[in-house]
Amino acid sequence: MSELVHLQRVSHRYAGGQDVLADVSLKLGLGEMAFLTGASGAGKSTLLKLIARLEVPTRGQVLVHGQNVARLATRHVPTYRQHLGLIFQQFNLLYDRSVFDNVALPLVIEGLRHGDIARRARAALDSVGLLDKAQLLPMMLSGGEQQRVGIARAVIRKPLLLLADEPTGNLDPDTAMGVMNLFRRYNDAGVSVLIATHALDLIDALPGYRVLHLNGGRLSERVSGDADHGQ
């Protein structure tokens, strides 16, 4: 499997604090789906932010497709992020805009033609089962539906990599499993996926994926569905 993401002995320290990550190394293959676990404050969100170039490491390198993302010029960061889909626990939707407009926004910002935007927004909504709710406001949807709007917005640019930070944290178990199955579908279509989550039971209902566990700033690894993981 070709390598997409490679963290090489990465440490990160916020101003005035201790290292959140300490000498962390990991690889994520092109087309791979993996989970990132750990207690609150273990550094899961920080690790995703380093890959997304929302933070830069204090030490070490974050390579994506062989490119050291910390060395990207500021003007090139938006272009880099066009290849990423970012999904959050808080849905970060615009509540005065329709579902369609929320999903279409990344392409509007890119300046694509209206016809292309409309076609791709409909396809993204269809992929999450919400095409019939395109003209509704987000507040008219359930929490699970709002998260699916966020996922549709994240995949509309056909990213190489989806980064999801606690995407099921506000959802009931059945809805959460539905969201995880969406990620599996995108992964089956060739998208690489890295999901930070506390939901160990949910992970182990999806056996066979790598589980990267952060503890004390360091990383260990197992395979989902392995009952003898001791975490």
Protein backbone atom coordinates (compact mmCIF):
# COMPACT_ATOMS: atom_id res chain seq x y z
CA MET A 1 0.00 0.00 0.00
CA SER A 2 1.40 3.41 -0.97
CA GLU A 3 2.04 5.84 1.86
CA LEU A 4 -0.13 8.95 2.17
CA VAL A 5 0.63 10.34 5.65
CA HIS A 6 3.88 9.89 7.54
CA LEU A 7 4.56 11.49 10.92
CA GLN A 8 8.26 11.24 11.72
CA ARG A 9 9.11 11.57 15.44
CA VAL A 10 6.63 14.39 15.92
CA SER A 11 6.31 16.31 19.16
CA HIS A 12 4.04 19.26 19.81
CA ARG A 13 3.94 21.68 22.71
CA TYR A 14 1.46 24.50 23.12
CA ALA A 15 2.82 27.76 24.56
CA GLY A 16 3.55 27.45 28.26
CA GLY A 17 2.62 23.78 28.45
CA GLN A 18 4.05 20.28 28.34
CA ASP A 19 4.37 18.20 25.20
CA VAL A 20 0.93 17.06 24.01
CA LEU A 21 2.62 14.67 21.58
CA ALA A 22 6.05 13.20 22.27
CA ASP A 23 8.14 11.55 19.55
CA VAL A 24 5.10 10.17 17.69
CA SER A 25 5.63 8.29 14.43
CA LEU A 26 2.87 6.79 12.29
CA LYS A 27 2.02 5.99 8.71
CA LEU A 28 -1.36 5.97 6.99
CA GLY A 29 -1.53 4.27 3.62
CA LEU A 30 -3.24 5.58 0.53
CA GLY A 31 -6.78 4.19 0.66
CA GLU A 32 -6.50 3.09 4.31
CA MET A 33 -9.01 3.74 7.11
CA ALA A 34 -7.78 3.86 10.72
CA PHE A 35 -8.96 5.03 14.13
CA LEU A 36 -7.17 7.30 16.60
CA THR A 37 -8.07 6.78 20.27
CA GLY A 38 -7.01 8.13 23.66
CA ALA A 39 -8.36 9.96 26.68
CA SER A 40 -9.43 13.60 26.53
CA GLY A 41 -6.30 15.72 26.25
CA ALA A 42 -4.23 12.83 24.87
CA GLY A 43 -3.46 14.74 21.67
CA LYS A 44 -5.93 13.26 19.16
CA SER A 45 -7.21 16.62 17.94
CA THR A 46 -3.69 18.04 17.89
CA LEU A 47 -2.50 15.21 15.68
CA LEU A 48 -5.32 15.82 13.20
CA LYS A 49 -4.58 19.56 13.25
CA LEU A 50 -0.94 18.87 12.40
CA ILE A 51 -1.97 16.84 9.35
CA ALA A 52 -4.46 19.55 8.32
CA ARG A 53 -1.76 22.21 8.82
CA LEU A 54 -3.87 24.00 11.42
CA GLU A 55 -0.82 23.57 13.70
CA VAL A 56 2.85 22.86 12.99
CA PRO A 57 4.97 20.45 15.04
CA THR A 58 7.44 21.66 17.63
CA ARG A 59 9.77 18.88 16.50
CA GLY A 60 9.67 16.26 13.78
CA GLN A 61 8.03 16.21 10.36
CA VAL A 62 4.50 15.72 9.05
CA LEU A 63 4.67 14.43 5.48
CA VAL A 64 1.62 14.12 3.23
CA HIS A 65 2.35 12.58 -0.17
CA GLY A 66 6.01 13.15 0.68
CA GLN A 67 5.52 16.89 1.23
CA ASN A 68 6.56 18.47 4.54
CA VAL A 69 3.34 20.37 5.28
CA ALA A 70 4.93 22.59 7.96
CA ARG A 71 7.10 24.12 5.24
CA LEU A 72 4.16 25.12 3.06
CA ALA A 73 4.03 28.83 2.37
CA THR A 74 0.92 30.40 3.89
CA ARG A 75 -0.45 31.19 0.43
CA HIS A 76 -0.28 27.49 -0.51
CA VAL A 77 -2.10 26.13 2.56
CA PRO A 78 -5.65 26.62 1.14
CA THR A 79 -4.67 24.66 -1.99
CA TYR A 80 -3.23 21.89 0.19
CA ARG A 81 -6.45 21.69 2.21
CA GLN A 82 -8.51 21.23 -0.95
CA HIS A 83 -7.29 17.62 -0.84
CA LEU A 84 -8.58 17.15 2.71
CA GLY A 85 -12.07 16.74 4.13
CA LEU A 86 -12.44 17.94 7.73
CA ILE A 87 -15.30 16.73 9.95
CA PHE A 88 -15.90 17.83 13.53
CA GLN A 89 -17.99 16.85 16.56
CA GLN A 90 -19.56 20.31 16.48
CA PHE A 91 -21.17 20.40 13.06
CA ASN A 92 -19.95 23.94 12.21
CA LEU A 93 -22.86 24.57 9.85
CA LEU A 94 -24.23 27.94 8.78
CA TYR A 95 -27.68 27.90 10.30
CA ASP A 96 -29.05 30.77 8.19
CA ARG A 97 -28.20 28.88 4.98
CA SER A 98 -29.92 25.87 3.46
CA VAL A 99 -28.47 22.39 3.61
CA PHE A 100 -27.62 22.70 -0.10
CA ASP A 101 -25.80 26.01 0.44
CA ASN A 102 -23.80 24.58 3.35
CA VAL A 103 -22.62 21.64 1.26
CA ALA A 104 -21.89 23.79 -1.80
CA LEU A 105 -19.87 26.40 0.12
CA PRO A 106 -16.36 24.96 -0.47
CA LEU A 107 -16.95 24.99 -4.22
CA VAL A 108 -18.45 28.49 -4.12
CA ILE A 109 -15.27 29.68 -2.37
CA GLU A 110 -13.19 27.98 -5.07
CA GLY A 111 -15.15 29.87 -7.71
CA LEU A 112 -16.49 26.90 -9.68
CA ARG A 113 -19.26 27.40 -12.22
CA HIS A 114 -22.79 27.33 -10.85
CA GLY A 115 -23.78 24.26 -12.85
CA ASP A 116 -20.78 22.27 -11.61
CA ILE A 117 -21.45 23.34 -8.03
CA ALA A 118 -25.10 22.30 -8.22
CA ARG A 119 -24.28 18.91 -9.76
CA ARG A 120 -21.58 18.06 -7.22
CA ALA A 121 -23.61 19.32 -4.24
CA ARG A 122 -26.55 17.12 -5.25
CA ALA A 123 -24.22 14.14 -5.64
CA ALA A 124 -22.65 14.75 -2.21
CA LEU A 125 -26.08 15.04 -0.56
CA ASP A 126 -27.26 11.92 -2.34
CA SER A 127 -24.23 10.01 -1.03
CA VAL A 128 -25.31 10.74 2.58
CA GLY A 129 -29.03 10.17 1.90
CA LEU A 130 -30.12 13.80 2.26
CA LEU A 131 -30.88 14.92 -1.28
CA ASP A 132 -34.56 15.29 -0.39
CA LYS A 133 -33.66 17.77 2.38
CA ALA A 134 -31.44 20.04 0.34
CA GLN A 135 -33.62 23.14 0.76
CA LEU A 136 -34.23 22.80 4.49
CA LEU A 137 -32.36 24.79 7.12
CA PRO A 138 -29.95 22.75 9.29
CA MET A 139 -31.98 23.39 12.46
CA MET A 140 -34.83 21.42 10.87
CA LEU A 141 -32.67 18.29 10.86
CA SER A 142 -31.73 15.81 13.58
CA GLY A 143 -28.20 15.74 14.99
CA GLY A 144 -27.31 12.73 12.88
CA GLU A 145 -28.60 14.42 9.75
CA GLN A 146 -26.62 17.57 10.55
CA GLN A 147 -23.48 15.48 10.90
CA ARG A 148 -24.21 13.92 7.51
CA VAL A 149 -24.47 17.44 6.05
CA GLY A 150 -21.00 18.08 7.48
CA ILE A 151 -19.73 14.89 5.86
CA ALA A 152 -21.28 15.83 2.50
CA ARG A 153 -19.57 19.22 2.72
CA ALA A 154 -16.27 17.48 3.51
CA VAL A 155 -16.43 15.10 0.54
CA ILE A 156 -17.74 17.51 -2.11
CA ARG A 157 -14.19 18.32 -3.24
CA LYS A 158 -13.43 14.60 -3.62
CA PRO A 159 -10.61 14.66 -1.07
CA LEU A 160 -7.79 12.14 -0.85
CA LEU A 161 -8.05 12.14 2.94
CA LEU A 162 -10.91 12.57 5.42
CA LEU A 163 -9.96 13.68 8.94
CA ALA A 164 -12.80 13.27 11.44
CA ASP A 165 -12.54 14.56 15.03
CA GLU A 166 -15.07 12.83 17.32
CA PRO A 167 -17.67 12.74 14.52
CA THR A 168 -20.11 10.59 16.56
CA GLY A 169 -19.63 12.29 19.93
CA ASN A 170 -23.06 13.95 19.95
CA LEU A 171 -24.98 11.03 18.41
CA ASP A 172 -26.94 8.07 19.75
CA PRO A 173 -25.41 4.61 19.12
CA ASP A 174 -27.53 3.67 16.09
CA THR A 175 -26.97 7.02 14.40
CA ALA A 176 -23.27 6.85 15.25
CA MET A 177 -22.97 3.46 13.56
CA GLY A 178 -24.69 4.88 10.49
CA VAL A 179 -22.09 7.65 10.33
CA MET A 180 -19.25 5.13 10.70
CA ASN A 181 -20.73 3.08 7.87
CA LEU A 182 -20.68 6.20 5.69
CA PHE A 183 -16.95 6.51 6.34
CA ARG A 184 -16.54 2.85 5.38
CA ARG A 185 -18.35 3.48 2.09
CA TYR A 186 -16.07 6.40 1.23
CA ASN A 187 -13.07 4.29 2.20
CA ASP A 188 -14.31 1.45 -0.03
CA ALA A 189 -14.35 4.02 -2.84
CA GLY A 190 -10.66 4.75 -2.26
CA VAL A 191 -10.69 7.69 0.17
CA SER A 192 -8.21 7.50 3.05
CA VAL A 193 -9.89 8.07 6.44
CA LEU A 194 -8.50 8.85 9.91
CA ILE A 195 -11.10 9.08 12.68
CA ALA A 196 -10.35 10.35 16.20
CA THR A 197 -12.88 8.90 18.63
CA HIS A 198 -13.55 7.80 22.22
CA ALA A 199 -16.09 5.21 21.02
CA LEU A 200 -14.17 1.95 21.56
CA ASP A 201 -17.33 -0.18 21.43
CA LEU A 202 -18.18 1.34 18.06
CA ILE A 203 -14.67 0.71 16.75
CA ASP A 204 -14.76 -2.93 17.80
CA ALA A 205 -18.06 -3.41 16.01
CA LEU A 206 -16.03 -2.68 12.84
CA PRO A 207 -13.27 -5.30 12.99
CA GLY A 208 -10.05 -5.35 11.04
CA TYR A 209 -9.00 -1.68 11.11
CA ARG A 210 -5.84 -0.26 12.67
CA VAL A 211 -6.43 1.48 16.01
CA LEU A 212 -3.75 3.99 16.98
CA HIS A 213 -3.89 4.75 20.72
CA LEU A 214 -2.36 7.89 22.26
CA ASN A 215 -1.35 7.77 25.91
CA GLY A 216 1.07 10.14 27.62
CA GLY A 217 1.94 11.69 24.27
CA ARG A 218 3.02 8.34 22.82
CA LEU A 219 1.44 5.95 20.36
CA SER A 220 0.59 2.24 20.48
CA GLU A 221 -1.32 0.15 17.95
CA ARG A 222 -3.80 -2.71 17.72
CA VAL A 223 -6.47 -4.01 15.36
CA SER A 224 -10.18 -3.27 15.87
CA GLY A 225 -12.24 -6.22 17.01
CA ASP A 226 -9.39 -7.55 19.17
CA ALA A 227 -11.13 -7.99 22.54
CA ASP A 228 -7.84 -8.32 24.40
CA HIS A 229 -6.76 -4.71 23.98
CA GLY A 230 -6.81 -3.55 27.58
CA GLN A 231 -7.75 0.06 26.82
